[in-house]
Amino acid sequence: MSREIREIIVHCTASPEGREMTVKQIDDIHRNQNKWRCIGYHKVIYLDGSIHDGRPIDEMGAHCNEDGHNRYSIGIVYVGGCAKDGKTPKDTRTPGQKVALANLLEELHKKFPNANLHGHRELVCSLKKKDPHHPCSSCKGYPALCIYAKKSCPSFDVHEYDYIFKSSTK
């Protein structure tokens, strides 16, 4: 692998609870709406807990561009993240998704022991980090409005998995 991996970033599809989405559907959204060349995530976790490949891990993703995070990260997305209304953030992970995410994080931590774990919402505008009063064009000084972390994505606290990253493999 030629790419340095410093971060593993977890996302949700921001889709309604119980509604399945496939890699192909996400790829279509990213190509047609975002005008990207393909799906931005490296791994996708379906409702049943199965893990599917998106973009190859050795390629830079398109899931968290703020501060160049794509260059040094792997993007994982689970299907869900919103209540049935499709708007209200909610931890909709199924038991299968929770197990699959833990297993995937363990696998990735073994391959990339120096990588840190983040939820998408943790990453804020670089200008905001330098000057908390600076109204940048993306977020106007409010991290919650940042175009890259404006959602509650991934709708749960990823640091419940910190135990994996504190294991003795480092």
C-alpha atoms as a PDB file:
ATOM      1  CA  MET A   1       0.000   0.000   0.000  1.00  0.00           C
ATOM      2  CA  SER A   2       1.513   3.268  -1.070  1.00  0.00           C
ATOM      3  CA  ARG A   3      -0.885   5.570   0.782  1.00  0.00           C
ATOM      4  CA  GLU A   4      -0.178   6.612   4.366  1.00  0.00           C
ATOM      5  CA  ILE A   5      -3.250   6.046   6.541  1.00  0.00           C
ATOM      6  CA  ARG A   6      -3.563   8.323   9.580  1.00  0.00           C
ATOM      7  CA  GLU A   7      -7.317   8.241  10.160  1.00  0.00           C
ATOM      8  CA  ILE A   8     -10.298   5.974   9.907  1.00  0.00           C
ATOM      9  CA  ILE A   9     -13.419   8.088   9.519  1.00  0.00           C
ATOM     10  CA  VAL A  10     -16.899   6.666  10.144  1.00  0.00           C
ATOM     11  CA  HIS A  11     -19.941   8.045   8.336  1.00  0.00           C
ATOM     12  CA  CYS A  12     -23.622   7.228   7.936  1.00  0.00           C
ATOM     13  CA  THR A  13     -25.572   7.368   4.687  1.00  0.00           C
ATOM     14  CA  ALA A  14     -28.102   9.705   6.385  1.00  0.00           C
ATOM     15  CA  SER A  15     -30.872   7.477   5.080  1.00  0.00           C
ATOM     16  CA  PRO A  16     -34.081   6.566   6.930  1.00  0.00           C
ATOM     17  CA  GLU A  17     -33.997   3.797   9.498  1.00  0.00           C
ATOM     18  CA  GLY A  18     -34.564   0.390   7.916  1.00  0.00           C
ATOM     19  CA  ARG A  19     -34.125   1.542   4.302  1.00  0.00           C
ATOM     20  CA  GLU A  20     -31.440  -0.474   2.560  1.00  0.00           C
ATOM     21  CA  MET A  21     -28.901   1.204   0.323  1.00  0.00           C
ATOM     22  CA  THR A  22     -26.381  -0.582  -1.848  1.00  0.00           C
ATOM     23  CA  VAL A  23     -22.885   0.299  -2.979  1.00  0.00           C
ATOM     24  CA  LYS A  24     -24.321   0.859  -6.447  1.00  0.00           C
ATOM     25  CA  GLN A  25     -26.940   3.305  -5.141  1.00  0.00           C
ATOM     26  CA  ILE A  26     -24.313   5.263  -3.185  1.00  0.00           C
ATOM     27  CA  ASP A  27     -22.007   5.201  -6.195  1.00  0.00           C
ATOM     28  CA  ASP A  28     -24.821   6.563  -8.379  1.00  0.00           C
ATOM     29  CA  ILE A  29     -25.472   9.401  -5.905  1.00  0.00           C
ATOM     30  CA  HIS A  30     -21.792  10.288  -5.708  1.00  0.00           C
ATOM     31  CA  ARG A  31     -21.398  10.238  -9.498  1.00  0.00           C
ATOM     32  CA  ASN A  32     -24.638  12.013 -10.430  1.00  0.00           C
ATOM     33  CA  GLN A  33     -25.219  14.450  -7.567  1.00  0.00           C
ATOM     34  CA  ASN A  34     -21.690  15.096  -6.312  1.00  0.00           C
ATOM     35  CA  LYS A  35     -20.058  14.736  -9.752  1.00  0.00           C
ATOM     36  CA  TRP A  36     -17.343  12.459  -8.349  1.00  0.00           C
ATOM     37  CA  ARG A  37     -15.761   9.726 -10.441  1.00  0.00           C
ATOM     38  CA  CYS A  38     -17.084   6.965  -8.150  1.00  0.00           C
ATOM     39  CA  ILE A  39     -18.244   6.159  -4.627  1.00  0.00           C
ATOM     40  CA  GLY A  40     -16.312   8.167  -2.042  1.00  0.00           C
ATOM     41  CA  TYR A  41     -16.270   5.581   0.764  1.00  0.00           C
ATOM     42  CA  HIS A  42     -13.913   2.628   0.972  1.00  0.00           C
ATOM     43  CA  LYS A  43     -16.231   0.296   2.909  1.00  0.00           C
ATOM     44  CA  VAL A  44     -20.022   0.120   3.198  1.00  0.00           C
ATOM     45  CA  ILE A  45     -21.863  -1.756   5.957  1.00  0.00           C
ATOM     46  CA  TYR A  46     -25.340  -2.907   4.962  1.00  0.00           C
ATOM     47  CA  LEU A  47     -28.267  -3.325   7.378  1.00  0.00           C
ATOM     48  CA  ASP A  48     -27.617  -7.066   7.639  1.00  0.00           C
ATOM     49  CA  GLY A  49     -24.043  -6.415   8.786  1.00  0.00           C
ATOM     50  CA  SER A  50     -22.380  -7.481   5.579  1.00  0.00           C
ATOM     51  CA  ILE A  51     -19.359  -5.397   4.578  1.00  0.00           C
ATOM     52  CA  HIS A  52     -18.948  -4.332   0.962  1.00  0.00           C
ATOM     53  CA  ASP A  53     -16.095  -2.705  -0.889  1.00  0.00           C
ATOM     54  CA  GLY A  54     -16.508   0.779  -2.259  1.00  0.00           C
ATOM     55  CA  ARG A  55     -13.493   2.641  -3.570  1.00  0.00           C
ATOM     56  CA  PRO A  56     -10.248   0.624  -3.292  1.00  0.00           C
ATOM     57  CA  ILE A  57      -8.402   1.398  -0.044  1.00  0.00           C
ATOM     58  CA  ASP A  58      -5.190   2.157  -1.907  1.00  0.00           C
ATOM     59  CA  GLU A  59      -7.002   5.058  -3.629  1.00  0.00           C
ATOM     60  CA  MET A  60      -7.732   8.359  -1.923  1.00  0.00           C
ATOM     61  CA  GLY A  61     -11.368   8.582  -0.892  1.00  0.00           C
ATOM     62  CA  ALA A  62     -13.921  11.352  -1.373  1.00  0.00           C
ATOM     63  CA  HIS A  63     -15.682  11.410   1.967  1.00  0.00           C
ATOM     64  CA  CYS A  64     -14.041  14.119   4.104  1.00  0.00           C
ATOM     65  CA  ASN A  65     -12.086  16.694   2.157  1.00  0.00           C
ATOM     66  CA  GLU A  66     -11.776  19.254   4.963  1.00  0.00           C
ATOM     67  CA  ASP A  67      -8.097  19.837   5.803  1.00  0.00           C
ATOM     68  CA  GLY A  68      -7.108  17.147   3.301  1.00  0.00           C
ATOM     69  CA  HIS A  69      -8.505  14.270   5.375  1.00  0.00           C
ATOM     70  CA  ASN A  70      -9.243  12.214   2.254  1.00  0.00           C
ATOM     71  CA  ARG A  71      -5.550  11.934   1.458  1.00  0.00           C
ATOM     72  CA  TYR A  72      -4.679  10.092   4.670  1.00  0.00           C
ATOM     73  CA  SER A  73      -7.881   8.301   5.633  1.00  0.00           C
ATOM     74  CA  ILE A  74     -10.148   5.374   5.050  1.00  0.00           C
ATOM     75  CA  GLY A  75     -13.861   6.149   4.880  1.00  0.00           C
ATOM     76  CA  ILE A  76     -16.378   3.682   6.291  1.00  0.00           C
ATOM     77  CA  VAL A  77     -20.114   4.253   5.986  1.00  0.00           C
ATOM     78  CA  TYR A  78     -22.992   2.341   7.540  1.00  0.00           C
ATOM     79  CA  VAL A  79     -26.443   2.404   5.976  1.00  0.00           C
ATOM     80  CA  GLY A  80     -28.789   4.484   8.112  1.00  0.00           C
ATOM     81  CA  GLY A  81     -28.248   7.325  10.528  1.00  0.00           C
ATOM     82  CA  CYS A  82     -31.672   9.004  10.359  1.00  0.00           C
ATOM     83  CA  ALA A  83     -35.030   8.263  11.928  1.00  0.00           C
ATOM     84  CA  LYS A  84     -37.799   7.008   9.683  1.00  0.00           C
ATOM     85  CA  ASP A  85     -38.625  10.632   8.778  1.00  0.00           C
ATOM     86  CA  GLY A  86     -35.292  10.770   6.900  1.00  0.00           C
ATOM     87  CA  LYS A  87     -34.283  13.992   8.659  1.00  0.00           C
ATOM     88  CA  THR A  88     -33.797  13.453  12.379  1.00  0.00           C
ATOM     89  CA  PRO A  89     -30.335  12.101  13.266  1.00  0.00           C
ATOM     90  CA  LYS A  90     -30.595   8.746  15.027  1.00  0.00           C
ATOM     91  CA  ASP A  91     -28.293   5.860  15.802  1.00  0.00           C
ATOM     92  CA  THR A  92     -30.012   3.269  13.621  1.00  0.00           C
ATOM     93  CA  ARG A  93     -27.223   0.691  13.582  1.00  0.00           C
ATOM     94  CA  THR A  94     -28.567  -2.823  13.629  1.00  0.00           C
ATOM     95  CA  PRO A  95     -26.925  -5.428  15.874  1.00  0.00           C
ATOM     96  CA  GLY A  96     -25.280  -6.826  12.734  1.00  0.00           C
ATOM     97  CA  GLN A  97     -23.895  -3.421  11.765  1.00  0.00           C
ATOM     98  CA  LYS A  98     -22.464  -2.890  15.257  1.00  0.00           C
ATOM     99  CA  VAL A  99     -20.629  -6.212  15.157  1.00  0.00           C
ATOM    100  CA  ALA A 100     -19.484  -5.678  11.570  1.00  0.00           C
ATOM    101  CA  LEU A 101     -18.141  -2.204  12.364  1.00  0.00           C
ATOM    102  CA  ALA A 102     -16.213  -3.510  15.381  1.00  0.00           C
ATOM    103  CA  ASN A 103     -14.747  -6.339  13.308  1.00  0.00           C
ATOM    104  CA  LEU A 104     -13.838  -4.011  10.443  1.00  0.00           C
ATOM    105  CA  LEU A 105     -12.216  -1.501  12.800  1.00  0.00           C
ATOM    106  CA  GLU A 106     -10.194  -4.312  14.409  1.00  0.00           C
ATOM    107  CA  GLU A 107      -9.030  -5.474  10.982  1.00  0.00           C
ATOM    108  CA  LEU A 108      -8.108  -1.963   9.870  1.00  0.00           C
ATOM    109  CA  HIS A 109      -6.346  -1.220  13.164  1.00  0.00           C
ATOM    110  CA  LYS A 110      -4.142  -4.279  12.631  1.00  0.00           C
ATOM    111  CA  LYS A 111      -3.238  -3.070   9.130  1.00  0.00           C
ATOM    112  CA  PHE A 112      -2.861   0.590  10.139  1.00  0.00           C
ATOM    113  CA  PRO A 113      -1.910   0.596  13.845  1.00  0.00           C
ATOM    114  CA  ASN A 114      -1.072   4.298  13.939  1.00  0.00           C
ATOM    115  CA  ALA A 115      -4.401   5.449  12.504  1.00  0.00           C
ATOM    116  CA  ASN A 116      -6.834   7.352  14.725  1.00  0.00           C
ATOM    117  CA  LEU A 117     -10.593   6.897  14.786  1.00  0.00           C
ATOM    118  CA  HIS A 118     -12.985   9.781  14.039  1.00  0.00           C
ATOM    119  CA  GLY A 119     -16.646  10.360  13.350  1.00  0.00           C
ATOM    120  CA  HIS A 120     -17.278  12.648  10.380  1.00  0.00           C
ATOM    121  CA  ARG A 121     -18.884  15.297  12.588  1.00  0.00           C
ATOM    122  CA  GLU A 122     -15.645  15.758  14.566  1.00  0.00           C
ATOM    123  CA  LEU A 123     -13.825  17.319  11.642  1.00  0.00           C
ATOM    124  CA  VAL A 124     -14.332  21.049  11.373  1.00  0.00           C
ATOM    125  CA  CYS A 125     -13.167  23.879   9.188  1.00  0.00           C
ATOM    126  CA  SER A 126      -9.392  24.472   9.366  1.00  0.00           C
ATOM    127  CA  LEU A 127      -9.949  28.231   9.549  1.00  0.00           C
ATOM    128  CA  LYS A 128     -12.250  27.726  12.507  1.00  0.00           C
ATOM    129  CA  LYS A 129      -9.526  25.752  14.281  1.00  0.00           C
ATOM    130  CA  LYS A 130      -7.009  28.556  13.705  1.00  0.00           C
ATOM    131  CA  ASP A 131      -9.350  31.404  14.600  1.00  0.00           C
ATOM    132  CA  PRO A 132     -12.622  30.576  16.358  1.00  0.00           C
ATOM    133  CA  HIS A 133     -14.099  33.917  15.241  1.00  0.00           C
ATOM    134  CA  HIS A 134     -13.181  33.636  11.557  1.00  0.00           C
ATOM    135  CA  PRO A 135     -16.317  33.397   9.347  1.00  0.00           C
ATOM    136  CA  CYS A 136     -15.066  31.175   6.533  1.00  0.00           C
ATOM    137  CA  SER A 137     -17.120  30.726   3.382  1.00  0.00           C
ATOM    138  CA  SER A 138     -17.913  27.089   4.213  1.00  0.00           C
ATOM    139  CA  CYS A 139     -19.197  27.355   7.753  1.00  0.00           C
ATOM    140  CA  LYS A 140     -19.372  31.100   8.481  1.00  0.00           C
ATOM    141  CA  GLY A 141     -17.560  30.421  11.739  1.00  0.00           C
ATOM    142  CA  TYR A 142     -19.980  27.777  12.969  1.00  0.00           C
ATOM    143  CA  PRO A 143     -18.559  24.224  12.857  1.00  0.00           C
ATOM    144  CA  ALA A 144     -22.072  22.778  12.887  1.00  0.00           C
ATOM    145  CA  LEU A 145     -22.641  24.446   9.491  1.00  0.00           C
ATOM    146  CA  CYS A 146     -19.392  23.234   7.931  1.00  0.00           C
ATOM    147  CA  ILE A 147     -20.121  21.674   4.547  1.00  0.00           C
ATOM    148  CA  TYR A 148     -18.057  18.616   5.482  1.00  0.00           C
ATOM    149  CA  ALA A 149     -19.342  18.066   9.010  1.00  0.00           C
ATOM    150  CA  LYS A 150     -22.733  19.734   8.994  1.00  0.00           C
ATOM    151  CA  LYS A 151     -24.623  16.557   9.839  1.00  0.00           C
ATOM    152  CA  SER A 152     -24.630  14.609  13.048  1.00  0.00           C
ATOM    153  CA  CYS A 153     -22.813  12.044  10.955  1.00  0.00           C
ATOM    154  CA  PRO A 154     -22.441   9.269  11.917  1.00  0.00           C
ATOM    155  CA  SER A 155     -25.323   9.798  14.414  1.00  0.00           C
ATOM    156  CA  PHE A 156     -23.492   8.026  17.251  1.00  0.00           C
ATOM    157  CA  ASP A 157     -20.275   8.478  19.192  1.00  0.00           C
ATOM    158  CA  VAL A 158     -17.608   6.447  17.389  1.00  0.00           C
ATOM    159  CA  HIS A 159     -15.439   6.593  20.469  1.00  0.00           C
ATOM    160  CA  GLU A 160     -17.375   3.668  21.889  1.00  0.00           C
ATOM    161  CA  TYR A 161     -14.867   1.750  19.724  1.00  0.00           C
ATOM    162  CA  ASP A 162     -11.782   3.426  21.212  1.00  0.00           C
ATOM    163  CA  TYR A 163     -10.967   0.203  23.086  1.00  0.00           C
ATOM    164  CA  ILE A 164      -9.897  -1.268  19.733  1.00  0.00           C
ATOM    165  CA  PHE A 165      -7.437   1.552  19.110  1.00  0.00           C
ATOM    166  CA  LYS A 166      -6.016   1.327  22.610  1.00  0.00           C
ATOM    167  CA  SER A 167      -5.149  -2.348  22.152  1.00  0.00           C
ATOM    168  CA  SER A 168      -1.536  -3.532  22.322  1.00  0.00           C
ATOM    169  CA  THR A 169      -1.024  -3.647  18.539  1.00  0.00           C
ATOM    170  CA  LYS A 170       0.467  -0.135  18.564  1.00  0.00           C
END
